[in-house]
Amino acid sequence: MKTANIAELKNALSAYLAEVKRGGQILVSDRNVPFAKIVPLNYTDDYDAEEMELVAKGLMTLPETDEPLPDDFFDDLPYVPGNRAIEVVVEERNED
């Protein structure tokens, strides 16, 4: 993994982004203190612009693999009454 301070990253942004496109990762530092990491997105061909915007905002992460979920994935979920689930969705939409 390469590291870059902010000024260095700004001056050679294209080169660093080319490294990320090749699969590399960049650790970004401010006064030699790391605070962010630039990593390539995986499986982006299967996602639409809205999903990629959520990823960019940090509200969603892409799966680490494109393998389907196992058959028993939903077996141990808690029971949530349908009306409560609808209330939560409506509350979240009204927050925006």
C-alpha atoms as a PDB file:
ATOM      1  CA  MET A   1       0.000   0.000   0.000  1.00  0.00           C
ATOM      2  CA  LYS A   2       1.297   3.426  -0.937  1.00  0.00           C
ATOM      3  CA  THR A   3       1.062   6.400   1.403  1.00  0.00           C
ATOM      4  CA  ALA A   4       0.687  10.077   0.547  1.00  0.00           C
ATOM      5  CA  ASN A   5       0.352  13.294   2.491  1.00  0.00           C
ATOM      6  CA  ILE A   6      -2.422  15.645   1.336  1.00  0.00           C
ATOM      7  CA  ALA A   7      -0.138  18.024  -0.602  1.00  0.00           C
ATOM      8  CA  GLU A   8       1.603  15.119  -2.318  1.00  0.00           C
ATOM      9  CA  LEU A   9      -1.758  13.546  -3.189  1.00  0.00           C
ATOM     10  CA  LYS A  10      -3.062  16.828  -4.636  1.00  0.00           C
ATOM     11  CA  ASN A  11       0.059  17.310  -6.763  1.00  0.00           C
ATOM     12  CA  ALA A  12      -0.001  13.795  -8.218  1.00  0.00           C
ATOM     13  CA  LEU A  13      -3.673  12.866  -7.965  1.00  0.00           C
ATOM     14  CA  SER A  14      -3.869  11.325 -11.437  1.00  0.00           C
ATOM     15  CA  ALA A  15      -0.943   9.014 -10.739  1.00  0.00           C
ATOM     16  CA  TYR A  16      -2.383   7.896  -7.410  1.00  0.00           C
ATOM     17  CA  LEU A  17      -5.830   7.280  -8.924  1.00  0.00           C
ATOM     18  CA  ALA A  18      -4.208   5.262 -11.714  1.00  0.00           C
ATOM     19  CA  GLU A  19      -2.622   3.114  -9.002  1.00  0.00           C
ATOM     20  CA  VAL A  20      -6.047   2.574  -7.411  1.00  0.00           C
ATOM     21  CA  LYS A  21      -7.534   1.639 -10.805  1.00  0.00           C
ATOM     22  CA  ARG A  22      -4.859  -1.057 -11.043  1.00  0.00           C
ATOM     23  CA  GLY A  23      -6.055  -2.471  -7.727  1.00  0.00           C
ATOM     24  CA  GLY A  24      -3.717  -0.609  -5.384  1.00  0.00           C
ATOM     25  CA  GLN A  25      -4.610   1.223  -2.206  1.00  0.00           C
ATOM     26  CA  ILE A  26      -3.494   4.656  -1.024  1.00  0.00           C
ATOM     27  CA  LEU A  27      -3.205   5.588   2.657  1.00  0.00           C
ATOM     28  CA  VAL A  28      -3.797   9.349   2.994  1.00  0.00           C
ATOM     29  CA  SER A  29      -2.080  11.252   5.815  1.00  0.00           C
ATOM     30  CA  ASP A  30      -2.307  14.731   7.272  1.00  0.00           C
ATOM     31  CA  ARG A  31       1.046  15.750   8.765  1.00  0.00           C
ATOM     32  CA  ASN A  32       2.097  12.085   8.633  1.00  0.00           C
ATOM     33  CA  VAL A  33      -0.996  10.932  10.565  1.00  0.00           C
ATOM     34  CA  PRO A  34      -3.104   8.526   8.478  1.00  0.00           C
ATOM     35  CA  PHE A  35      -6.812   9.404   8.316  1.00  0.00           C
ATOM     36  CA  ALA A  36      -8.217   7.881   5.110  1.00  0.00           C
ATOM     37  CA  LYS A  37      -7.678   5.110   2.621  1.00  0.00           C
ATOM     38  CA  ILE A  38      -8.472   5.197  -1.099  1.00  0.00           C
ATOM     39  CA  VAL A  39      -9.381   1.736  -2.342  1.00  0.00           C
ATOM     40  CA  PRO A  40     -10.841   0.423  -5.604  1.00  0.00           C
ATOM     41  CA  LEU A  41     -14.545  -0.384  -5.783  1.00  0.00           C
ATOM     42  CA  ASN A  42     -15.324  -4.011  -6.553  1.00  0.00           C
ATOM     43  CA  TYR A  43     -18.205  -5.417  -8.576  1.00  0.00           C
ATOM     44  CA  THR A  44     -19.243  -1.958  -9.758  1.00  0.00           C
ATOM     45  CA  ASP A  45     -20.668  -3.174 -13.054  1.00  0.00           C
ATOM     46  CA  ASP A  46     -23.706  -4.603 -11.263  1.00  0.00           C
ATOM     47  CA  TYR A  47     -24.659  -1.373  -9.491  1.00  0.00           C
ATOM     48  CA  ASP A  48     -26.592   1.646 -10.697  1.00  0.00           C
ATOM     49  CA  ALA A  49     -25.700   5.301 -10.188  1.00  0.00           C
ATOM     50  CA  GLU A  50     -27.905   5.651  -7.097  1.00  0.00           C
ATOM     51  CA  GLU A  51     -26.178   2.763  -5.345  1.00  0.00           C
ATOM     52  CA  MET A  52     -22.731   4.089  -6.261  1.00  0.00           C
ATOM     53  CA  GLU A  53     -23.731   7.493  -4.856  1.00  0.00           C
ATOM     54  CA  LEU A  54     -24.673   5.826  -1.567  1.00  0.00           C
ATOM     55  CA  VAL A  55     -21.264   4.123  -1.532  1.00  0.00           C
ATOM     56  CA  ALA A  56     -19.529   7.452  -2.155  1.00  0.00           C
ATOM     57  CA  LYS A  57     -21.474   9.044   0.725  1.00  0.00           C
ATOM     58  CA  GLY A  58     -20.483   6.197   3.031  1.00  0.00           C
ATOM     59  CA  LEU A  59     -24.104   5.104   3.511  1.00  0.00           C
ATOM     60  CA  MET A  60     -23.648   1.745   1.802  1.00  0.00           C
ATOM     61  CA  THR A  61     -20.802  -0.659   1.250  1.00  0.00           C
ATOM     62  CA  LEU A  62     -20.410  -3.057  -1.629  1.00  0.00           C
ATOM     63  CA  PRO A  63     -20.290  -6.760  -0.871  1.00  0.00           C
ATOM     64  CA  GLU A  64     -16.872  -8.334  -0.672  1.00  0.00           C
ATOM     65  CA  THR A  65     -17.966 -11.152  -2.972  1.00  0.00           C
ATOM     66  CA  ASP A  66     -20.635 -11.751  -5.570  1.00  0.00           C
ATOM     67  CA  GLU A  67     -21.457 -15.170  -4.131  1.00  0.00           C
ATOM     68  CA  PRO A  68     -25.156 -15.666  -3.323  1.00  0.00           C
ATOM     69  CA  LEU A  69     -26.256 -15.738   0.305  1.00  0.00           C
ATOM     70  CA  PRO A  70     -26.411 -19.202   1.891  1.00  0.00           C
ATOM     71  CA  ASP A  71     -29.849 -20.820   2.086  1.00  0.00           C
ATOM     72  CA  ASP A  72     -29.927 -20.532   5.900  1.00  0.00           C
ATOM     73  CA  PHE A  73     -29.055 -16.795   5.949  1.00  0.00           C
ATOM     74  CA  PHE A  74     -32.565 -15.692   6.959  1.00  0.00           C
ATOM     75  CA  ASP A  75     -33.292 -18.550   9.390  1.00  0.00           C
ATOM     76  CA  ASP A  76     -32.442 -16.726  12.644  1.00  0.00           C
ATOM     77  CA  LEU A  77     -33.899 -13.267  11.989  1.00  0.00           C
ATOM     78  CA  PRO A  78     -36.031 -11.734  14.733  1.00  0.00           C
ATOM     79  CA  TYR A  79     -39.752 -11.275  14.167  1.00  0.00           C
ATOM     80  CA  VAL A  80     -40.738  -7.703  13.310  1.00  0.00           C
ATOM     81  CA  PRO A  81     -44.432  -6.949  12.798  1.00  0.00           C
ATOM     82  CA  GLY A  82     -45.126  -5.627   9.286  1.00  0.00           C
ATOM     83  CA  ASN A  83     -46.696  -2.401  10.507  1.00  0.00           C
ATOM     84  CA  ARG A  84     -43.605  -1.591  12.620  1.00  0.00           C
ATOM     85  CA  ALA A  85     -41.314  -2.186   9.638  1.00  0.00           C
ATOM     86  CA  ILE A  86     -43.422   0.207   7.558  1.00  0.00           C
ATOM     87  CA  GLU A  87     -43.303   2.825  10.336  1.00  0.00           C
ATOM     88  CA  VAL A  88     -39.513   2.653  10.456  1.00  0.00           C
ATOM     89  CA  VAL A  89     -39.196   3.060   6.688  1.00  0.00           C
ATOM     90  CA  VAL A  90     -41.563   6.053   6.703  1.00  0.00           C
ATOM     91  CA  GLU A  91     -39.663   7.653   9.613  1.00  0.00           C
ATOM     92  CA  GLU A  92     -36.338   7.262   7.791  1.00  0.00           C
ATOM     93  CA  ARG A  93     -37.729   8.736   4.586  1.00  0.00           C
ATOM     94  CA  ASN A  94     -39.139  11.725   6.469  1.00  0.00           C
ATOM     95  CA  GLU A  95     -35.715  12.468   8.021  1.00  0.00           C
ATOM     96  CA  ASP A  96     -34.271  13.459   4.629  1.00  0.00           C
END
